[in-house]
Amino acid sequence: MCKIVDTIRDRPLLRVSLSLLVVTAVTVGVVLWPSKLPGPEPAADAPDFNSDDYGTSPDARSDDLAADLKLMWQTARGASTPQAIHAAERVFATVKLVGLTRQEVKDRIGDAKAFTDSQYNFPFYPTTGPVLVYRFDNGAWGGGQYNVRFDPDDRVIRVQYLMIE
């Protein structure tokens, strides 16, 4: 061991090379190590909300999806009822849409253009690209807009929740 240490001490270029090797190894280890730590995996049926969405993501899951799917289209005086807004939050927090086609989304949760007679049947927030907009709004205290975004193959890549206040 002493012979190795003496060799390193006597050769400055070797010392620098070994120092760089150690620094590189430590840096790579620090960068990669956290990704290898054990931890909970995201649930397979977790909702598809990104942290950069406006507002808060709904977190109340539906206990009776069939009832909530029906209730979320309820309107009174041309606007979503409070019960409908809360049911929509539960539906979108429960139903996994990423990977589905546009038609599969409509089959699973309904077509916003066909299922509601709300006067707020248009986007509150502007949208771009291929998107289905689901807006549940009572005009008084708000609600939510769900942008179901599609890739070029017409498959859902993201469900964006935007709070309407």
Protein backbone atom coordinates (compact mmCIF):
# COMPACT_ATOMS: atom_id res chain seq x y z
CA MET A 1 0.00 0.00 0.00
CA CYS A 2 2.86 2.39 0.84
CA LYS A 3 4.42 1.80 -2.57
CA ILE A 4 1.18 2.92 -4.28
CA VAL A 5 0.96 6.02 -2.09
CA ASP A 6 4.61 6.88 -2.82
CA THR A 7 4.02 6.45 -6.57
CA ILE A 8 1.00 8.76 -6.47
CA ARG A 9 2.89 11.33 -4.39
CA ASP A 10 5.86 11.33 -6.79
CA ARG A 11 3.75 11.78 -9.96
CA PRO A 12 1.67 14.99 -9.94
CA LEU A 13 -0.12 14.18 -13.22
CA LEU A 14 -1.23 10.82 -11.86
CA ARG A 15 -2.39 12.54 -8.66
CA VAL A 16 -4.50 15.03 -10.68
CA SER A 17 -5.97 12.24 -12.83
CA LEU A 18 -6.93 10.19 -9.79
CA SER A 19 -8.43 13.26 -8.11
CA LEU A 20 -10.57 13.94 -11.18
CA LEU A 21 -11.62 10.30 -11.28
CA VAL A 22 -12.70 10.41 -7.62
CA VAL A 23 -14.58 13.70 -8.08
CA THR A 24 -16.35 12.32 -11.16
CA ALA A 25 -17.29 9.09 -9.38
CA VAL A 26 -18.65 10.97 -6.37
CA THR A 27 -20.61 13.38 -8.58
CA VAL A 28 -22.17 10.57 -10.59
CA GLY A 29 -22.98 8.70 -7.40
CA VAL A 30 -24.68 11.71 -5.84
CA VAL A 31 -26.74 12.33 -8.98
CA LEU A 32 -27.79 8.72 -9.52
CA TRP A 33 -28.13 7.57 -5.93
CA PRO A 34 -31.46 9.26 -5.07
CA SER A 35 -33.15 7.68 -8.11
CA LYS A 36 -32.24 4.25 -6.77
CA LEU A 37 -33.65 4.80 -3.30
CA PRO A 38 -36.59 2.63 -2.38
CA GLY A 39 -39.84 4.49 -2.06
CA PRO A 40 -43.48 4.28 -2.87
CA GLU A 41 -44.30 3.94 -6.54
CA PRO A 42 -47.12 6.12 -7.84
CA ALA A 43 -50.41 4.26 -7.82
CA ALA A 44 -51.34 2.82 -11.21
CA ASP A 45 -54.72 4.49 -10.95
CA ALA A 46 -53.45 7.85 -9.68
CA PRO A 47 -54.96 10.90 -11.37
CA ASP A 48 -52.96 12.52 -14.14
CA PHE A 49 -52.39 16.01 -12.76
CA ASN A 50 -49.10 17.86 -13.11
CA SER A 51 -47.65 20.12 -10.45
CA ASP A 52 -47.54 23.05 -12.87
CA ASP A 53 -51.32 23.12 -13.27
CA TYR A 54 -53.09 26.14 -11.85
CA GLY A 55 -54.97 25.75 -8.61
CA THR A 56 -54.99 22.59 -6.62
CA SER A 57 -55.55 19.14 -8.01
CA PRO A 58 -58.69 17.44 -6.80
CA ASP A 59 -57.86 14.70 -4.35
CA ALA A 60 -61.27 13.34 -3.35
CA ARG A 61 -61.84 10.04 -5.12
CA SER A 62 -65.29 8.74 -6.00
CA ASP A 63 -66.90 6.08 -3.85
CA ASP A 64 -69.75 5.67 -6.36
CA LEU A 65 -68.39 6.37 -9.83
CA ALA A 66 -71.63 5.58 -11.68
CA ALA A 67 -73.58 8.05 -9.54
CA ASP A 68 -70.88 10.73 -9.84
CA LEU A 69 -70.69 10.28 -13.63
CA LYS A 70 -74.41 11.04 -13.80
CA LEU A 71 -74.35 13.83 -11.20
CA MET A 72 -71.45 15.77 -12.77
CA TRP A 73 -73.68 16.77 -15.71
CA GLN A 74 -76.43 18.22 -13.51
CA THR A 75 -77.34 21.86 -14.17
CA ALA A 76 -79.73 24.42 -12.69
CA ARG A 77 -80.59 27.71 -14.37
CA GLY A 78 -78.02 27.03 -17.11
CA ALA A 79 -75.05 26.38 -14.82
CA SER A 80 -73.42 23.43 -13.09
CA THR A 81 -74.80 22.77 -9.63
CA PRO A 82 -72.38 22.70 -6.69
CA GLN A 83 -73.07 18.96 -6.45
CA ALA A 84 -72.11 18.55 -10.13
CA ILE A 85 -68.85 20.45 -9.64
CA HIS A 86 -67.89 18.26 -6.68
CA ALA A 87 -68.91 15.09 -8.56
CA ALA A 88 -66.73 16.13 -11.52
CA GLU A 89 -63.78 16.63 -9.15
CA ARG A 90 -64.28 13.11 -7.81
CA VAL A 91 -64.65 11.61 -11.30
CA PHE A 92 -61.49 13.23 -12.67
CA ALA A 93 -59.57 12.29 -9.52
CA THR A 94 -60.68 8.67 -9.94
CA VAL A 95 -60.74 7.84 -13.65
CA LYS A 96 -57.39 7.20 -15.34
CA LEU A 97 -57.50 8.78 -18.80
CA VAL A 98 -53.86 8.89 -19.94
CA GLY A 99 -53.35 6.53 -22.86
CA LEU A 100 -57.00 6.46 -23.92
CA THR A 101 -58.19 7.66 -27.32
CA ARG A 102 -60.56 10.61 -27.69
CA GLN A 103 -63.49 8.24 -28.27
CA GLU A 104 -62.54 6.11 -25.26
CA VAL A 105 -62.52 9.25 -23.08
CA LYS A 106 -65.99 10.19 -24.32
CA ASP A 107 -67.20 6.63 -23.74
CA ARG A 108 -65.72 6.57 -20.24
CA ILE A 109 -66.77 9.98 -18.85
CA GLY A 110 -69.09 11.47 -21.47
CA ASP A 111 -68.91 14.15 -24.12
CA ALA A 112 -68.95 17.66 -22.65
CA LYS A 113 -70.63 19.10 -25.74
CA ALA A 114 -73.42 16.53 -25.78
CA PHE A 115 -74.04 15.83 -22.09
CA THR A 116 -74.62 19.28 -20.62
CA ASP A 117 -76.94 22.20 -21.22
CA SER A 118 -74.75 24.58 -19.22
CA GLN A 119 -74.37 28.10 -20.57
CA TYR A 120 -70.69 27.72 -19.62
CA ASN A 121 -70.07 25.03 -22.24
CA PHE A 122 -66.91 26.72 -23.56
CA PRO A 123 -63.37 27.04 -22.18
CA PHE A 124 -62.84 29.55 -19.37
CA TYR A 125 -59.07 29.33 -19.94
CA PRO A 126 -57.72 29.43 -23.51
CA THR A 127 -56.53 26.14 -24.95
CA THR A 128 -54.19 25.14 -27.74
CA GLY A 129 -53.58 21.92 -29.60
CA PRO A 130 -55.73 18.83 -29.61
CA VAL A 131 -57.77 18.99 -26.40
CA LEU A 132 -61.17 18.08 -25.00
CA VAL A 133 -62.39 20.69 -22.53
CA TYR A 134 -64.66 19.78 -19.65
CA ARG A 135 -65.86 22.85 -17.78
CA PHE A 136 -67.99 22.70 -14.64
CA ASP A 137 -68.87 26.22 -13.54
CA ASN A 138 -71.81 27.77 -11.71
CA GLY A 139 -70.95 31.37 -12.55
CA ALA A 140 -70.97 32.44 -8.90
CA TRP A 141 -68.09 30.86 -7.02
CA GLY A 142 -66.44 29.01 -9.86
CA GLY A 143 -65.65 25.39 -10.45
CA GLY A 144 -63.04 23.76 -12.62
CA GLN A 145 -61.87 23.28 -16.18
CA TYR A 146 -60.31 19.98 -17.16
CA ASN A 147 -58.20 20.00 -20.32
CA VAL A 148 -57.75 16.49 -21.66
CA ARG A 149 -54.73 16.81 -23.96
CA PHE A 150 -53.93 14.45 -26.84
CA ASP A 151 -50.79 13.49 -28.73
CA PRO A 152 -50.64 13.29 -32.56
CA ASP A 153 -51.93 9.69 -32.36
CA ASP A 154 -55.07 10.98 -30.58
CA ARG A 155 -54.17 9.42 -27.21
CA VAL A 156 -54.41 11.28 -23.92
CA ILE A 157 -51.03 12.49 -22.68
CA ARG A 158 -52.22 14.74 -19.85
CA VAL A 159 -55.25 15.82 -17.87
CA GLN A 160 -54.86 19.40 -16.72
CA TYR A 161 -57.03 20.79 -13.91
CA LEU A 162 -57.53 24.54 -13.83
CA MET A 163 -59.47 26.00 -10.92
CA ILE A 164 -62.06 28.62 -11.80
CA GLU A 165 -62.58 31.19 -9.06
